[in-house]
Amino acid sequence: GVIPSRLAIVFGTEAVGCSAELFAACDKKVYLPLVGFADSLNLSVATALCVFQLFCLAPDAVGDMSEEERHELRQRFYTKLA
């Protein structure tokens, strides 16, 4: 299909983007063109635009992560936020 079976979408912070290491590890890089007076998009807006486009390309796309895997991922992620 248009969307690979395994896909990671990475967004950097609004202030500095993502790390050089993460940027170098990406197979593809996507830039959202801006028109008008805006210098940047809010990270949540950029994310929504990208995810929306993914679902337009593959409307039947769903993840296959179990609820247990999701819970573990959230726990690992949340501890890094503090």
PDB file of N, CA and C in Angstrom:
ATOM      1  N   GLY A   1       0.796  -1.185   0.000  1.00  0.00           N
ATOM      2  CA  GLY A   1       0.000   0.000   0.000  1.00  0.00           C
ATOM      3  C   GLY A   1       0.843   1.255   0.000  1.00  0.00           C
ATOM      4  N   VAL A   2       0.165   2.335   0.065  1.00  0.00           N
ATOM      5  CA  VAL A   2       0.811   3.650   0.081  1.00  0.00           C
ATOM      6  C   VAL A   2       1.537   3.882   1.405  1.00  0.00           C
ATOM      7  N   ILE A   3       0.962   3.389   2.483  1.00  0.00           N
ATOM      8  CA  ILE A   3       1.529   3.558   3.814  1.00  0.00           C
ATOM      9  C   ILE A   3       2.228   2.258   4.204  1.00  0.00           C
ATOM     10  N   PRO A   4       3.487   2.323   4.659  1.00  0.00           N
ATOM     11  CA  PRO A   4       4.173   1.093   5.060  1.00  0.00           C
ATOM     12  C   PRO A   4       3.509   0.456   6.281  1.00  0.00           C
ATOM     13  N   SER A   5       3.692  -0.841   6.438  1.00  0.00           N
ATOM     14  CA  SER A   5       3.058  -1.537   7.561  1.00  0.00           C
ATOM     15  C   SER A   5       3.636  -1.092   8.898  1.00  0.00           C
ATOM     16  N   ARG A   6       4.878  -0.676   8.909  1.00  0.00           N
ATOM     17  CA  ARG A   6       5.498  -0.136  10.131  1.00  0.00           C
ATOM     18  C   ARG A   6       5.901   1.306   9.849  1.00  0.00           C
ATOM     19  N   LEU A   7       5.378   2.203  10.653  1.00  0.00           N
ATOM     20  CA  LEU A   7       5.591   3.620  10.402  1.00  0.00           C
ATOM     21  C   LEU A   7       5.747   4.347  11.728  1.00  0.00           C
ATOM     22  N   ALA A   8       6.757   5.152  11.821  1.00  0.00           N
ATOM     23  CA  ALA A   8       6.929   6.033  12.981  1.00  0.00           C
ATOM     24  C   ALA A   8       6.934   7.460  12.453  1.00  0.00           C
ATOM     25  N   ILE A   9       6.099   8.267  13.025  1.00  0.00           N
ATOM     26  CA  ILE A   9       6.052   9.683  12.650  1.00  0.00           C
ATOM     27  C   ILE A   9       6.627  10.463  13.820  1.00  0.00           C
ATOM     28  N   VAL A  10       7.638  11.251  13.543  1.00  0.00           N
ATOM     29  CA  VAL A  10       8.337  11.978  14.593  1.00  0.00           C
ATOM     30  C   VAL A  10       8.155  13.470  14.355  1.00  0.00           C
ATOM     31  N   PHE A  11       7.790  14.165  15.395  1.00  0.00           N
ATOM     32  CA  PHE A  11       7.678  15.616  15.339  1.00  0.00           C
ATOM     33  C   PHE A  11       8.622  16.197  16.376  1.00  0.00           C
ATOM     34  N   GLY A  12       9.340  17.215  15.993  1.00  0.00           N
ATOM     35  CA  GLY A  12      10.209  17.889  16.946  1.00  0.00           C
ATOM     36  C   GLY A  12       9.429  18.920  17.733  1.00  0.00           C
ATOM     37  N   THR A  13      10.087  19.521  18.688  1.00  0.00           N
ATOM     38  CA  THR A  13       9.435  20.568  19.465  1.00  0.00           C
ATOM     39  C   THR A  13       9.249  21.807  18.597  1.00  0.00           C
ATOM     40  N   GLU A  14       8.349  22.647  19.007  1.00  0.00           N
ATOM     41  CA  GLU A  14       8.096  23.865  18.245  1.00  0.00           C
ATOM     42  C   GLU A  14       9.309  24.785  18.248  1.00  0.00           C
ATOM     43  N   ALA A  15      10.070  24.764  19.318  1.00  0.00           N
ATOM     44  CA  ALA A  15      11.194  25.689  19.446  1.00  0.00           C
ATOM     45  C   ALA A  15      12.428  25.237  18.662  1.00  0.00           C
ATOM     46  N   VAL A  16      12.804  23.965  18.784  1.00  0.00           N
ATOM     47  CA  VAL A  16      14.084  23.540  18.210  1.00  0.00           C
ATOM     48  C   VAL A  16      13.994  22.346  17.265  1.00  0.00           C
ATOM     49  N   GLY A  17      12.813  21.839  17.023  1.00  0.00           N
ATOM     50  CA  GLY A  17      12.704  20.672  16.140  1.00  0.00           C
ATOM     51  C   GLY A  17      13.120  19.404  16.855  1.00  0.00           C
ATOM     52  N   CYS A  18      13.597  18.417  16.091  1.00  0.00           N
ATOM     53  CA  CYS A  18      14.045  17.169  16.714  1.00  0.00           C
ATOM     54  C   CYS A  18      15.569  17.144  16.769  1.00  0.00           C
ATOM     55  N   SER A  19      16.098  16.184  17.489  1.00  0.00           N
ATOM     56  CA  SER A  19      17.553  16.099  17.640  1.00  0.00           C
ATOM     57  C   SER A  19      18.209  15.753  16.304  1.00  0.00           C
ATOM     58  N   ALA A  20      19.471  16.097  16.166  1.00  0.00           N
ATOM     59  CA  ALA A  20      20.221  15.785  14.947  1.00  0.00           C
ATOM     60  C   ALA A  20      20.288  14.272  14.734  1.00  0.00           C
ATOM     61  N   GLU A  21      20.424  13.524  15.825  1.00  0.00           N
ATOM     62  CA  GLU A  21      20.481  12.061  15.742  1.00  0.00           C
ATOM     63  C   GLU A  21      19.169  11.490  15.190  1.00  0.00           C
ATOM     64  N   LEU A  22      18.067  11.959  15.707  1.00  0.00           N
ATOM     65  CA  LEU A  22      16.764  11.496  15.240  1.00  0.00           C
ATOM     66  C   LEU A  22      16.528  11.921  13.796  1.00  0.00           C
ATOM     67  N   PHE A  23      16.878  13.143  13.483  1.00  0.00           N
ATOM     68  CA  PHE A  23      16.707  13.651  12.127  1.00  0.00           C
ATOM     69  C   PHE A  23      17.505  12.810  11.131  1.00  0.00           C
ATOM     70  N   ALA A  24      18.735  12.448  11.497  1.00  0.00           N
ATOM     71  CA  ALA A  24      19.589  11.645  10.616  1.00  0.00           C
ATOM     72  C   ALA A  24      19.044  10.223  10.441  1.00  0.00           C
ATOM     73  N   ALA A  25      18.320   9.718  11.439  1.00  0.00           N
ATOM     74  CA  ALA A  25      17.801   8.349  11.377  1.00  0.00           C
ATOM     75  C   ALA A  25      16.537   8.226  10.526  1.00  0.00           C
ATOM     76  N   CYS A  26      15.937   9.325  10.139  1.00  0.00           N
ATOM     77  CA  CYS A  26      14.688   9.289   9.373  1.00  0.00           C
ATOM     78  C   CYS A  26      14.936   8.853   7.932  1.00  0.00           C
ATOM     79  N   ASP A  27      14.066   7.991   7.439  1.00  0.00           N
ATOM     80  CA  ASP A  27      14.124   7.589   6.032  1.00  0.00           C
ATOM     81  C   ASP A  27      13.555   8.677   5.131  1.00  0.00           C
ATOM     82  N   LYS A  28      12.514   9.333   5.590  1.00  0.00           N
ATOM     83  CA  LYS A  28      11.854  10.400   4.833  1.00  0.00           C
ATOM     84  C   LYS A  28      11.645  11.587   5.755  1.00  0.00           C
ATOM     85  N   LYS A  29      11.687  12.760   5.169  1.00  0.00           N
ATOM     86  CA  LYS A  29      11.421  13.981   5.914  1.00  0.00           C
ATOM     87  C   LYS A  29      10.342  14.766   5.174  1.00  0.00           C
ATOM     88  N   VAL A  30       9.400  15.298   5.913  1.00  0.00           N
ATOM     89  CA  VAL A  30       8.277  16.015   5.325  1.00  0.00           C
ATOM     90  C   VAL A  30       8.278  17.442   5.857  1.00  0.00           C
ATOM     91  N   TYR A  31       8.074  18.374   4.975  1.00  0.00           N
ATOM     92  CA  TYR A  31       7.972  19.777   5.352  1.00  0.00           C
ATOM     93  C   TYR A  31       6.598  20.280   4.939  1.00  0.00           C
ATOM     94  N   LEU A  32       5.974  21.031   5.805  1.00  0.00           N
ATOM     95  CA  LEU A  32       4.665  21.609   5.505  1.00  0.00           C
ATOM     96  C   LEU A  32       4.874  23.033   5.013  1.00  0.00           C
ATOM     97  N   PRO A  33       4.511  23.306   3.774  1.00  0.00           N
ATOM     98  CA  PRO A  33       4.709  24.666   3.246  1.00  0.00           C
ATOM     99  C   PRO A  33       3.772  25.661   3.928  1.00  0.00           C
ATOM    100  N   LEU A  34       4.258  26.845   4.132  1.00  0.00           N
ATOM    101  CA  LEU A  34       3.457  27.900   4.748  1.00  0.00           C
ATOM    102  C   LEU A  34       3.198  28.997   3.732  1.00  0.00           C
ATOM    103  N   VAL A  35       1.991  29.507   3.750  1.00  0.00           N
ATOM    104  CA  VAL A  35       1.606  30.592   2.862  1.00  0.00           C
ATOM    105  C   VAL A  35       1.100  31.728   3.730  1.00  0.00           C
ATOM    106  N   GLY A  36       1.474  32.915   3.402  1.00  0.00           N
ATOM    107  CA  GLY A  36       1.001  34.061   4.176  1.00  0.00           C
ATOM    108  C   GLY A  36       2.036  34.537   5.170  1.00  0.00           C
ATOM    109  N   PHE A  37       1.562  34.999   6.316  1.00  0.00           N
ATOM    110  CA  PHE A  37       2.447  35.649   7.278  1.00  0.00           C
ATOM    111  C   PHE A  37       2.945  34.731   8.386  1.00  0.00           C
ATOM    112  N   ALA A  38       2.479  33.511   8.431  1.00  0.00           N
ATOM    113  CA  ALA A  38       2.897  32.604   9.503  1.00  0.00           C
ATOM    114  C   ALA A  38       4.342  32.161   9.306  1.00  0.00           C
ATOM    115  N   ASP A  39       5.084  32.112  10.409  1.00  0.00           N
ATOM    116  CA  ASP A  39       6.460  31.618  10.377  1.00  0.00           C
ATOM    117  C   ASP A  39       6.523  30.131  10.681  1.00  0.00           C
ATOM    118  N   SER A  40       5.511  29.633  11.402  1.00  0.00           N
ATOM    119  CA  SER A  40       5.496  28.226  11.774  1.00  0.00           C
ATOM    120  C   SER A  40       4.077  27.820  12.130  1.00  0.00           C
ATOM    121  N   LEU A  41       3.880  26.514  12.254  1.00  0.00           N
ATOM    122  CA  LEU A  41       2.600  25.980  12.699  1.00  0.00           C
ATOM    123  C   LEU A  41       2.752  25.477  14.120  1.00  0.00           C
ATOM    124  N   ASN A  42       1.716  25.595  14.893  1.00  0.00           N
ATOM    125  CA  ASN A  42       1.663  24.984  16.203  1.00  0.00           C
ATOM    126  C   ASN A  42       1.872  23.482  16.010  1.00  0.00           C
ATOM    127  N   LEU A  43       2.584  22.832  16.918  1.00  0.00           N
ATOM    128  CA  LEU A  43       2.891  21.416  16.775  1.00  0.00           C
ATOM    129  C   LEU A  43       1.632  20.562  16.668  1.00  0.00           C
ATOM    130  N   SER A  44       0.601  20.890  17.424  1.00  0.00           N
ATOM    131  CA  SER A  44      -0.629  20.099  17.355  1.00  0.00           C
ATOM    132  C   SER A  44      -1.310  20.262  15.999  1.00  0.00           C
ATOM    133  N   VAL A  45      -1.226  21.438  15.411  1.00  0.00           N
ATOM    134  CA  VAL A  45      -1.813  21.669  14.087  1.00  0.00           C
ATOM    135  C   VAL A  45      -1.031  20.893  13.027  1.00  0.00           C
ATOM    136  N   ALA A  46       0.293  20.948  13.088  1.00  0.00           N
ATOM    137  CA  ALA A  46       1.115  20.207  12.134  1.00  0.00           C
ATOM    138  C   ALA A  46       0.859  18.708  12.240  1.00  0.00           C
ATOM    139  N   THR A  47       0.744  18.222  13.460  1.00  0.00           N
ATOM    140  CA  THR A  47       0.466  16.801  13.675  1.00  0.00           C
ATOM    141  C   THR A  47      -0.887  16.428  13.090  1.00  0.00           C
ATOM    142  N   ALA A  48      -1.896  17.227  13.363  1.00  0.00           N
ATOM    143  CA  ALA A  48      -3.235  16.945  12.847  1.00  0.00           C
ATOM    144  C   ALA A  48      -3.242  16.919  11.320  1.00  0.00           C
ATOM    145  N   LEU A  49      -2.555  17.850  10.691  1.00  0.00           N
ATOM    146  CA  LEU A  49      -2.501  17.872   9.229  1.00  0.00           C
ATOM    147  C   LEU A  49      -1.858  16.610   8.672  1.00  0.00           C
ATOM    148  N   CYS A  50      -0.770  16.175   9.290  1.00  0.00           N
ATOM    149  CA  CYS A  50      -0.069  14.974   8.823  1.00  0.00           C
ATOM    150  C   CYS A  50      -0.899  13.711   9.035  1.00  0.00           C
ATOM    151  N   VAL A  51      -1.486  13.578  10.205  1.00  0.00           N
ATOM    152  CA  VAL A  51      -2.300  12.390  10.488  1.00  0.00           C
ATOM    153  C   VAL A  51      -3.540  12.377   9.598  1.00  0.00           C
ATOM    154  N   PHE A  52      -4.153  13.518   9.393  1.00  0.00           N
ATOM    155  CA  PHE A  52      -5.305  13.593   8.498  1.00  0.00           C
ATOM    156  C   PHE A  52      -4.923  13.111   7.097  1.00  0.00           C
ATOM    157  N   GLN A  53      -3.787  13.571   6.597  1.00  0.00           N
ATOM    158  CA  GLN A  53      -3.349  13.168   5.269  1.00  0.00           C
ATOM    159  C   GLN A  53      -3.090  11.660   5.203  1.00  0.00           C
ATOM    160  N   LEU A  54      -2.522  11.110   6.255  1.00  0.00           N
ATOM    161  CA  LEU A  54      -2.299   9.659   6.288  1.00  0.00           C
ATOM    162  C   LEU A  54      -3.613   8.897   6.162  1.00  0.00           C
ATOM    163  N   PHE A  55      -4.626   9.343   6.880  1.00  0.00           N
ATOM    164  CA  PHE A  55      -5.916   8.662   6.802  1.00  0.00           C
ATOM    165  C   PHE A  55      -6.623   8.910   5.475  1.00  0.00           C
ATOM    166  N   CYS A  56      -6.325  10.008   4.819  1.00  0.00           N
ATOM    167  CA  CYS A  56      -6.853  10.213   3.458  1.00  0.00           C
ATOM    168  C   CYS A  56      -6.203   9.227   2.491  1.00  0.00           C
ATOM    169  N   LEU A  57      -4.915   8.976   2.674  1.00  0.00           N
ATOM    170  CA  LEU A  57      -4.204   8.036   1.807  1.00  0.00           C
ATOM    171  C   LEU A  57      -4.578   6.586   2.100  1.00  0.00           C
ATOM    172  N   ALA A  58      -4.856   6.281   3.339  1.00  0.00           N
ATOM    173  CA  ALA A  58      -5.180   4.907   3.740  1.00  0.00           C
ATOM    174  C   ALA A  58      -6.286   4.942   4.783  1.00  0.00           C
ATOM    175  N   PRO A  59      -7.541   5.114   4.343  1.00  0.00           N
ATOM    176  CA  PRO A  59      -8.648   5.270   5.293  1.00  0.00           C
ATOM    177  C   PRO A  59      -8.870   4.066   6.199  1.00  0.00           C
ATOM    178  N   ASP A  60      -8.409   2.909   5.783  1.00  0.00           N
ATOM    179  CA  ASP A  60      -8.615   1.716   6.609  1.00  0.00           C
ATOM    180  C   ASP A  60      -7.432   1.443   7.539  1.00  0.00           C
ATOM    181  N   ALA A  61      -6.482   2.339   7.588  1.00  0.00           N
ATOM    182  CA  ALA A  61      -5.297   2.142   8.423  1.00  0.00           C
ATOM    183  C   ALA A  61      -5.665   2.189   9.904  1.00  0.00           C
ATOM    184  N   VAL A  62      -5.271   1.181  10.599  1.00  0.00           N
ATOM    185  CA  VAL A  62      -5.447   1.122  12.050  1.00  0.00           C
ATOM    186  C   VAL A  62      -4.203   0.478  12.641  1.00  0.00           C
ATOM    187  N   GLY A  63      -3.907   0.819  13.853  1.00  0.00           N
ATOM    188  CA  GLY A  63      -2.772   0.193  14.522  1.00  0.00           C
ATOM    189  C   GLY A  63      -3.131  -1.186  15.022  1.00  0.00           C
ATOM    190  N   ASP A  64      -2.116  -2.001  15.244  1.00  0.00           N
ATOM    191  CA  ASP A  64      -2.376  -3.337  15.772  1.00  0.00           C
ATOM    192  C   ASP A  64      -1.729  -3.525  17.142  1.00  0.00           C
ATOM    193  N   MET A  65      -1.504  -2.417  17.841  1.00  0.00           N
ATOM    194  CA  MET A  65      -0.915  -2.477  19.165  1.00  0.00           C
ATOM    195  C   MET A  65      -1.991  -2.870  20.174  1.00  0.00           C
ATOM    196  N   SER A  66      -1.663  -3.840  21.014  1.00  0.00           N
ATOM    197  CA  SER A  66      -2.623  -4.279  22.028  1.00  0.00           C
ATOM    198  C   SER A  66      -2.769  -3.200  23.093  1.00  0.00           C
ATOM    199  N   GLU A  67      -3.829  -3.302  23.870  1.00  0.00           N
ATOM    200  CA  GLU A  67      -4.047  -2.342  24.950  1.00  0.00           C
ATOM    201  C   GLU A  67      -2.907  -2.435  25.961  1.00  0.00           C
ATOM    202  N   GLU A  68      -2.398  -3.629  26.195  1.00  0.00           N
ATOM    203  CA  GLU A  68      -1.268  -3.813  27.115  1.00  0.00           C
ATOM    204  C   GLU A  68      -0.015  -3.110  26.590  1.00  0.00           C
ATOM    205  N   GLU A  69       0.257  -3.240  25.287  1.00  0.00           N
ATOM    206  CA  GLU A  69       1.402  -2.559  24.684  1.00  0.00           C
ATOM    207  C   GLU A  69       1.248  -1.045  24.765  1.00  0.00           C
ATOM    208  N   ARG A  70       0.032  -0.562  24.532  1.00  0.00           N
ATOM    209  CA  ARG A  70      -0.225   0.878  24.641  1.00  0.00           C
ATOM    210  C   ARG A  70       0.029   1.384  26.049  1.00  0.00           C
ATOM    211  N   HIS A  71      -0.446   0.612  27.017  1.00  0.00           N
ATOM    212  CA  HIS A  71      -0.272   0.997  28.423  1.00  0.00           C
ATOM    213  C   HIS A  71       1.215   1.064  28.768  1.00  0.00           C
ATOM    214  N   GLU A  72       1.981   0.061  28.351  1.00  0.00           N
ATOM    215  CA  GLU A  72       3.414   0.041  28.629  1.00  0.00           C
ATOM    216  C   GLU A  72       4.119   1.226  27.969  1.00  0.00           C
ATOM    217  N   LEU A  73       3.766   1.498  26.730  1.00  0.00           N
ATOM    218  CA  LEU A  73       4.369   2.623  26.013  1.00  0.00           C
ATOM    219  C   LEU A  73       4.058   3.937  26.711  1.00  0.00           C
ATOM    220  N   ARG A  74       2.804   4.112  27.124  1.00  0.00           N
ATOM    221  CA  ARG A  74       2.425   5.332  27.844  1.00  0.00           C
ATOM    222  C   ARG A  74       3.215   5.469  29.139  1.00  0.00           C
ATOM    223  N   GLN A  75       3.353   4.388  29.873  1.00  0.00           N
ATOM    224  CA  GLN A  75       4.091   4.430  31.146  1.00  0.00           C
ATOM    225  C   GLN A  75       5.544   4.833  30.916  1.00  0.00           C
ATOM    226  N   ARG A  76       6.180   4.257  29.911  1.00  0.00           N
ATOM    227  CA  ARG A  76       7.573   4.601  29.618  1.00  0.00           C
ATOM    228  C   ARG A  76       7.682   6.059  29.179  1.00  0.00           C
ATOM    229  N   PHE A  77       6.724   6.517  28.364  1.00  0.00           N
ATOM    230  CA  PHE A  77       6.762   7.888  27.850  1.00  0.00           C
ATOM    231  C   PHE A  77       6.484   8.899  28.957  1.00  0.00           C
ATOM    232  N   TYR A  78       5.454   8.639  29.751  1.00  0.00           N
ATOM    233  CA  TYR A  78       5.054   9.590  30.776  1.00  0.00           C
ATOM    234  C   TYR A  78       6.161   9.812  31.796  1.00  0.00           C
ATOM    235  N   THR A  79       6.922   8.785  32.119  1.00  0.00           N
ATOM    236  CA  THR A  79       7.990   8.952  33.118  1.00  0.00           C
ATOM    237  C   THR A  79       9.082   9.871  32.579  1.00  0.00           C
ATOM    238  N   LYS A  80       9.239   9.949  31.282  1.00  0.00           N
ATOM    239  CA  LYS A  80      10.253  10.835  30.695  1.00  0.00           C
ATOM    240  C   LYS A  80       9.803  12.287  30.666  1.00  0.00           C
ATOM    241  N   LEU A  81       8.505  12.520  30.808  1.00  0.00           N
ATOM    242  CA  LEU A  81       7.986  13.888  30.791  1.00  0.00           C
ATOM    243  C   LEU A  81       8.261  14.623  32.103  1.00  0.00           C
ATOM    244  N   ALA A  82       8.346  13.872  33.176  1.00  0.00           N
ATOM    245  CA  ALA A  82       8.497  14.493  34.496  1.00  0.00           C
ATOM    246  C   ALA A  82       9.909  14.953  34.760  1.00  0.00           C
TER     247      ALA A  82
END
